[in-house]
Amino acid sequence: MAHSTFAETDFPDDDMFEDPEVEAVLAEFDGDPRRAIRALLDDIAALAADEPAETFLKVVTPAPLAGWRAE
C-alpha cells in the first residue's frame, strides 16, 4: 500500500496554510525551518524537564458504579 505524505499532496492554494504565528517563528530564524523546528523542540524538552514526572504518571481511578459489588 502506498504511503502519502503531506509534502506529496497537491494542494490547489498554498495561501490556505498561512499562519501569522508560524510566519513569526520562521522570521525569528531567518526563514530557516530546520532552525525553527530545532528551537521549538528544545523549548518543548525544556518545558517537559521542568514538570515533575509524577504529574504525567498519575492514575485516576473512577468511583465504583452504583449497585456494583466485588465478588
Protein backbone atom coordinates (compact mmCIF):
# COMPACT_ATOMS: atom_id res chain seq x y z
CA MET A 1 0.00 0.00 0.00
CA ALA A 2 1.42 3.38 -1.00
CA HIS A 3 2.06 5.88 1.75
CA SER A 4 1.19 9.50 1.05
CA THR A 5 2.85 12.33 2.90
CA PHE A 6 1.78 15.92 3.39
CA ALA A 7 4.66 17.11 1.18
CA GLU A 8 3.47 14.89 -1.72
CA THR A 9 -0.10 16.16 -1.56
CA ASP A 10 -1.14 18.51 -4.35
CA PHE A 11 -2.94 21.48 -2.79
CA PRO A 12 -4.64 23.99 -5.06
CA ASP A 13 -3.92 27.03 -2.91
CA ASP A 14 -0.83 27.38 -0.72
CA ASP A 15 -2.31 30.54 0.86
CA MET A 16 -4.69 28.39 2.90
CA PHE A 17 -1.70 27.36 5.06
CA GLU A 18 -0.57 30.86 6.04
CA ASP A 19 -0.45 31.32 9.78
CA PRO A 20 0.86 34.51 11.41
CA GLU A 21 2.33 32.60 14.37
CA VAL A 22 4.19 30.21 12.09
CA GLU A 23 5.42 33.10 9.97
CA ALA A 24 6.67 34.88 13.11
CA VAL A 25 8.62 31.81 14.26
CA LEU A 26 10.15 31.37 10.81
CA ALA A 27 11.08 35.07 10.68
CA GLU A 28 12.79 34.75 14.06
CA PHE A 29 15.09 32.14 12.48
CA ASP A 30 15.62 33.96 9.16
CA GLY A 31 13.14 31.70 7.38
CA ASP A 32 15.12 28.54 8.17
CA PRO A 33 12.51 25.89 9.05
CA ARG A 34 15.10 23.44 10.43
CA ARG A 35 16.41 26.01 12.92
CA ALA A 36 12.86 26.95 13.89
CA ILE A 37 11.85 23.31 14.43
CA ARG A 38 15.01 22.61 16.46
CA ALA A 39 14.34 25.64 18.68
CA LEU A 40 10.72 24.57 19.23
CA LEU A 41 11.79 21.01 20.08
CA ASP A 42 14.35 22.40 22.54
CA ASP A 43 11.62 24.55 24.13
CA ILE A 44 9.32 21.53 24.47
CA ALA A 45 12.13 19.48 26.03
CA ALA A 46 12.88 22.28 28.50
CA LEU A 47 9.22 22.55 29.48
CA ALA A 48 8.96 18.78 29.91
CA ALA A 49 12.09 18.76 32.10
CA ASP A 50 10.57 21.47 34.32
CA GLU A 51 7.45 19.40 35.02
CA PRO A 52 7.76 16.64 37.62
CA ALA A 53 7.39 13.22 36.00
CA GLU A 54 4.80 12.04 38.53
CA THR A 55 2.35 14.60 37.12
CA PHE A 56 2.25 12.60 33.91
CA LEU A 57 2.05 9.23 35.64
CA LYS A 58 -0.96 9.77 37.87
CA VAL A 59 -3.67 7.15 37.54
CA VAL A 60 -7.20 8.25 38.24
CA THR A 61 -9.48 5.50 39.49
CA PRO A 62 -13.17 6.15 38.89
CA ALA A 63 -15.63 5.74 41.72
CA PRO A 64 -17.45 2.39 41.71
CA LEU A 65 -20.73 2.30 39.82
CA ALA A 66 -23.89 2.42 41.88
CA GLY A 67 -25.01 -1.10 42.71
CA TRP A 68 -21.66 -2.63 41.81
CA ARG A 69 -20.12 -5.04 44.26
CA ALA A 70 -16.90 -7.02 44.23
CA GLU A 71 -17.25 -10.77 44.03
